[in-house]
Amino acid sequence: MPAAFLGVQMAVFGLYMGAAFAPIHKGMPMIPKESRIDFFSRQVLTSRNIMARTP
């Protein structure tokens, strides 16, 4: 029983994290590999903010 609970918990968490992180990087510009840019700038330039609407 604990193994089933852990399996379901991991599956739900994986779906949730995929749903949260996947849209952030879709449709953003691609930076060529030969460009000289640091890791932090690359992360900021290729991600976007998605705000949740509250009623």
PDB file of N, CA and C in Angstrom:
ATOM      1  N   MET A   1       0.813  -1.206   0.000  1.00  0.00           N
ATOM      2  CA  MET A   1       0.000   0.000   0.000  1.00  0.00           C
ATOM      3  C   MET A   1       0.856   1.269   0.000  1.00  0.00           C
ATOM      4  N   PRO A   2       1.917   1.355   0.812  1.00  0.00           N
ATOM      5  CA  PRO A   2       2.749   2.567   0.774  1.00  0.00           C
ATOM      6  C   PRO A   2       3.402   2.782  -0.595  1.00  0.00           C
ATOM      7  N   ALA A   3       3.756   1.701  -1.273  1.00  0.00           N
ATOM      8  CA  ALA A   3       4.374   1.831  -2.590  1.00  0.00           C
ATOM      9  C   ALA A   3       3.374   2.406  -3.599  1.00  0.00           C
ATOM     10  N   ALA A   4       2.123   1.997  -3.510  1.00  0.00           N
ATOM     11  CA  ALA A   4       1.097   2.531  -4.411  1.00  0.00           C
ATOM     12  C   ALA A   4       0.873   4.014  -4.145  1.00  0.00           C
ATOM     13  N   PHE A   5       0.814   4.378  -2.872  1.00  0.00           N
ATOM     14  CA  PHE A   5       0.651   5.793  -2.515  1.00  0.00           C
ATOM     15  C   PHE A   5       1.814   6.621  -3.057  1.00  0.00           C
ATOM     16  N   LEU A   6       3.031   6.130  -2.873  1.00  0.00           N
ATOM     17  CA  LEU A   6       4.212   6.838  -3.360  1.00  0.00           C
ATOM     18  C   LEU A   6       4.194   6.952  -4.888  1.00  0.00           C
ATOM     19  N   GLY A   7       3.792   5.890  -5.561  1.00  0.00           N
ATOM     20  CA  GLY A   7       3.720   5.918  -7.020  1.00  0.00           C
ATOM     21  C   GLY A   7       2.716   6.937  -7.534  1.00  0.00           C
ATOM     22  N   VAL A   8       1.534   6.966  -6.925  1.00  0.00           N
ATOM     23  CA  VAL A   8       0.508   7.931  -7.338  1.00  0.00           C
ATOM     24  C   VAL A   8       0.965   9.352  -7.028  1.00  0.00           C
ATOM     25  N   GLN A   9       1.562   9.548  -5.870  1.00  0.00           N
ATOM     26  CA  GLN A   9       2.043  10.868  -5.481  1.00  0.00           C
ATOM     27  C   GLN A   9       3.108  11.376  -6.455  1.00  0.00           C
ATOM     28  N   MET A  10       4.040  10.520  -6.837  1.00  0.00           N
ATOM     29  CA  MET A  10       5.097  10.904  -7.765  1.00  0.00           C
ATOM     30  C   MET A  10       4.521  11.206  -9.154  1.00  0.00           C
ATOM     31  N   ALA A  11       3.534  10.434  -9.586  1.00  0.00           N
ATOM     32  CA  ALA A  11       2.918  10.662 -10.895  1.00  0.00           C
ATOM     33  C   ALA A  11       2.177  11.998 -10.922  1.00  0.00           C
ATOM     34  N   VAL A  12       1.408  12.274  -9.892  1.00  0.00           N
ATOM     35  CA  VAL A  12       0.657  13.535  -9.842  1.00  0.00           C
ATOM     36  C   VAL A  12       1.614  14.718  -9.753  1.00  0.00           C
ATOM     37  N   PHE A  13       2.647  14.593  -8.952  1.00  0.00           N
ATOM     38  CA  PHE A  13       3.635  15.667  -8.827  1.00  0.00           C
ATOM     39  C   PHE A  13       4.347  15.911 -10.157  1.00  0.00           C
ATOM     40  N   GLY A  14       4.681  14.854 -10.869  1.00  0.00           N
ATOM     41  CA  GLY A  14       5.330  14.991 -12.171  1.00  0.00           C
ATOM     42  C   GLY A  14       4.437  15.690 -13.182  1.00  0.00           C
ATOM     43  N   LEU A  15       3.171  15.338 -13.216  1.00  0.00           N
ATOM     44  CA  LEU A  15       2.236  16.011 -14.121  1.00  0.00           C
ATOM     45  C   LEU A  15       2.088  17.488 -13.768  1.00  0.00           C
ATOM     46  N   TYR A  16       1.998  17.771 -12.488  1.00  0.00           N
ATOM     47  CA  TYR A  16       1.861  19.160 -12.032  1.00  0.00           C
ATOM     48  C   TYR A  16       3.088  19.984 -12.411  1.00  0.00           C
ATOM     49  N   MET A  17       4.261  19.453 -12.160  1.00  0.00           N
ATOM     50  CA  MET A  17       5.486  20.182 -12.478  1.00  0.00           C
ATOM     51  C   MET A  17       5.650  20.338 -13.990  1.00  0.00           C
ATOM     52  N   GLY A  18       5.292  19.329 -14.751  1.00  0.00           N
ATOM     53  CA  GLY A  18       5.353  19.447 -16.202  1.00  0.00           C
ATOM     54  C   GLY A  18       4.399  20.507 -16.721  1.00  0.00           C
ATOM     55  N   ALA A  19       3.212  20.566 -16.145  1.00  0.00           N
ATOM     56  CA  ALA A  19       2.237  21.566 -16.557  1.00  0.00           C
ATOM     57  C   ALA A  19       2.671  22.975 -16.170  1.00  0.00           C
ATOM     58  N   ALA A  20       3.468  23.090 -15.121  1.00  0.00           N
ATOM     59  CA  ALA A  20       3.930  24.401 -14.684  1.00  0.00           C
ATOM     60  C   ALA A  20       5.151  24.869 -15.475  1.00  0.00           C
ATOM     61  N   PHE A  21       6.094  23.981 -15.744  1.00  0.00           N
ATOM     62  CA  PHE A  21       7.347  24.390 -16.366  1.00  0.00           C
ATOM     63  C   PHE A  21       7.329  24.364 -17.892  1.00  0.00           C
ATOM     64  N   ALA A  22       6.574  23.492 -18.503  1.00  0.00           N
ATOM     65  CA  ALA A  22       6.590  23.379 -19.962  1.00  0.00           C
ATOM     66  C   ALA A  22       6.144  24.656 -20.671  1.00  0.00           C
ATOM     67  N   PRO A  23       5.051  25.296 -20.269  1.00  0.00           N
ATOM     68  CA  PRO A  23       4.624  26.507 -20.991  1.00  0.00           C
ATOM     69  C   PRO A  23       5.599  27.677 -20.858  1.00  0.00           C
ATOM     70  N   ILE A  24       6.413  27.674 -19.826  1.00  0.00           N
ATOM     71  CA  ILE A  24       7.321  28.797 -19.600  1.00  0.00           C
ATOM     72  C   ILE A  24       8.346  28.905 -20.723  1.00  0.00           C
ATOM     73  N   HIS A  25       8.779  27.789 -21.290  1.00  0.00           N
ATOM     74  CA  HIS A  25       9.840  27.807 -22.285  1.00  0.00           C
ATOM     75  C   HIS A  25       9.342  27.632 -23.719  1.00  0.00           C
ATOM     76  N   LYS A  26       8.065  27.595 -23.937  1.00  0.00           N
ATOM     77  CA  LYS A  26       7.548  27.434 -25.298  1.00  0.00           C
ATOM     78  C   LYS A  26       7.421  28.799 -25.979  1.00  0.00           C
ATOM     79  N   GLY A  27       7.797  28.853 -27.239  1.00  0.00           N
ATOM     80  CA  GLY A  27       7.637  30.072 -28.013  1.00  0.00           C
ATOM     81  C   GLY A  27       8.648  31.161 -27.713  1.00  0.00           C
ATOM     82  N   MET A  28       9.712  30.847 -27.024  1.00  0.00           N
ATOM     83  CA  MET A  28      10.716  31.850 -26.703  1.00  0.00           C
ATOM     84  C   MET A  28      11.877  31.739 -27.687  1.00  0.00           C
ATOM     85  N   PRO A  29      12.648  32.812 -27.837  1.00  0.00           N
ATOM     86  CA  PRO A  29      13.733  32.803 -28.819  1.00  0.00           C
ATOM     87  C   PRO A  29      14.812  31.778 -28.496  1.00  0.00           C
ATOM     88  N   MET A  30      15.413  31.246 -29.550  1.00  0.00           N
ATOM     89  CA  MET A  30      16.527  30.315 -29.401  1.00  0.00           C
ATOM     90  C   MET A  30      17.824  31.108 -29.509  1.00  0.00           C
ATOM     91  N   ILE A  31      18.754  30.844 -28.629  1.00  0.00           N
ATOM     92  CA  ILE A  31      20.048  31.513 -28.662  1.00  0.00           C
ATOM     93  C   ILE A  31      21.046  30.556 -29.305  1.00  0.00           C
ATOM     94  N   PRO A  32      21.772  31.009 -30.320  1.00  0.00           N
ATOM     95  CA  PRO A  32      22.740  30.125 -30.976  1.00  0.00           C
ATOM     96  C   PRO A  32      23.821  29.643 -29.997  1.00  0.00           C
ATOM     97  N   LYS A  33      24.287  28.417 -30.198  1.00  0.00           N
ATOM     98  CA  LYS A  33      25.296  27.847 -29.309  1.00  0.00           C
ATOM     99  C   LYS A  33      26.609  28.620 -29.341  1.00  0.00           C
ATOM    100  N   GLU A  34      26.933  29.200 -30.491  1.00  0.00           N
ATOM    101  CA  GLU A  34      28.212  29.893 -30.600  1.00  0.00           C
ATOM    102  C   GLU A  34      28.207  31.276 -29.948  1.00  0.00           C
ATOM    103  N   SER A  35      27.050  31.757 -29.486  1.00  0.00           N
ATOM    104  CA  SER A  35      27.017  33.065 -28.826  1.00  0.00           C
ATOM    105  C   SER A  35      27.662  32.974 -27.448  1.00  0.00           C
ATOM    106  N   ARG A  36      28.337  34.037 -27.058  1.00  0.00           N
ATOM    107  CA  ARG A  36      29.026  34.097 -25.772  1.00  0.00           C
ATOM    108  C   ARG A  36      28.093  34.764 -24.761  1.00  0.00           C
ATOM    109  N   ILE A  37      27.342  33.947 -24.030  1.00  0.00           N
ATOM    110  CA  ILE A  37      26.385  34.472 -23.060  1.00  0.00           C
ATOM    111  C   ILE A  37      26.456  33.605 -21.804  1.00  0.00           C
ATOM    112  N   ASP A  38      26.361  34.242 -20.637  1.00  0.00           N
ATOM    113  CA  ASP A  38      26.462  33.469 -19.397  1.00  0.00           C
ATOM    114  C   ASP A  38      25.156  32.723 -19.109  1.00  0.00           C
ATOM    115  N   PHE A  39      25.232  31.779 -18.177  1.00  0.00           N
ATOM    116  CA  PHE A  39      24.103  30.903 -17.868  1.00  0.00           C
ATOM    117  C   PHE A  39      22.889  31.694 -17.394  1.00  0.00           C
ATOM    118  N   PHE A  40      23.095  32.648 -16.493  1.00  0.00           N
ATOM    119  CA  PHE A  40      21.973  33.408 -15.942  1.00  0.00           C
ATOM    120  C   PHE A  40      21.246  34.195 -17.034  1.00  0.00           C
ATOM    121  N   SER A  41      21.984  34.873 -17.885  1.00  0.00           N
ATOM    122  CA  SER A  41      21.362  35.640 -18.972  1.00  0.00           C
ATOM    123  C   SER A  41      20.612  34.729 -19.923  1.00  0.00           C
ATOM    124  N   ARG A  42      21.164  33.567 -20.211  1.00  0.00           N
ATOM    125  CA  ARG A  42      20.490  32.614 -21.092  1.00  0.00           C
ATOM    126  C   ARG A  42      19.160  32.162 -20.480  1.00  0.00           C
ATOM    127  N   GLN A  43      19.143  31.896 -19.175  1.00  0.00           N
ATOM    128  CA  GLN A  43      17.910  31.469 -18.513  1.00  0.00           C
ATOM    129  C   GLN A  43      16.860  32.576 -18.530  1.00  0.00           C
ATOM    130  N   VAL A  44      17.281  33.802 -18.304  1.00  0.00           N
ATOM    131  CA  VAL A  44      16.335  34.916 -18.263  1.00  0.00           C
ATOM    132  C   VAL A  44      15.786  35.220 -19.650  1.00  0.00           C
ATOM    133  N   LEU A  45      16.648  35.199 -20.659  1.00  0.00           N
ATOM    134  CA  LEU A  45      16.211  35.538 -22.010  1.00  0.00           C
ATOM    135  C   LEU A  45      15.317  34.476 -22.637  1.00  0.00           C
ATOM    136  N   THR A  46      15.433  33.238 -22.216  1.00  0.00           N
ATOM    137  CA  THR A  46      14.652  32.160 -22.843  1.00  0.00           C
ATOM    138  C   THR A  46      13.491  31.688 -21.964  1.00  0.00           C
ATOM    139  N   SER A  47      13.100  32.477 -20.995  1.00  0.00           N
ATOM    140  CA  SER A  47      11.925  32.138 -20.194  1.00  0.00           C
ATOM    141  C   SER A  47      11.005  33.343 -20.140  1.00  0.00           C
ATOM    142  N   ARG A  48       9.795  33.135 -19.717  1.00  0.00           N
ATOM    143  CA  ARG A  48       8.846  34.246 -19.619  1.00  0.00           C
ATOM    144  C   ARG A  48       8.013  34.077 -18.367  1.00  0.00           C
ATOM    145  N   ASN A  49       7.420  35.144 -17.931  1.00  0.00           N
ATOM    146  CA  ASN A  49       6.569  35.127 -16.748  1.00  0.00           C
ATOM    147  C   ASN A  49       5.130  34.871 -17.184  1.00  0.00           C
ATOM    148  N   ILE A  50       4.491  33.954 -16.508  1.00  0.00           N
ATOM    149  CA  ILE A  50       3.081  33.674 -16.760  1.00  0.00           C
ATOM    150  C   ILE A  50       2.341  33.947 -15.459  1.00  0.00           C
ATOM    151  N   MET A  51       1.447  34.902 -15.513  1.00  0.00           N
ATOM    152  CA  MET A  51       0.720  35.284 -14.298  1.00  0.00           C
ATOM    153  C   MET A  51      -0.636  34.577 -14.274  1.00  0.00           C
ATOM    154  N   ALA A  52      -0.973  34.053 -13.135  1.00  0.00           N
ATOM    155  CA  ALA A  52      -2.276  33.404 -12.958  1.00  0.00           C
ATOM    156  C   ALA A  52      -3.331  34.470 -12.712  1.00  0.00           C
ATOM    157  N   ARG A  53      -4.458  34.294 -13.325  1.00  0.00           N
ATOM    158  CA  ARG A  53      -5.553  35.236 -13.097  1.00  0.00           C
ATOM    159  C   ARG A  53      -6.309  34.835 -11.850  1.00  0.00           C
ATOM    160  N   THR A  54      -6.590  35.806 -11.025  1.00  0.00           N
ATOM    161  CA  THR A  54      -7.376  35.535  -9.825  1.00  0.00           C
ATOM    162  C   THR A  54      -8.749  36.183 -10.006  1.00  0.00           C
ATOM    163  N   PRO A  55      -9.770  35.493  -9.571  1.00  0.00           N
ATOM    164  CA  PRO A  55     -11.134  36.045  -9.746  1.00  0.00           C
ATOM    165  C   PRO A  55     -11.399  37.246  -8.886  1.00  0.00           C
TER     166      PRO A  55
END
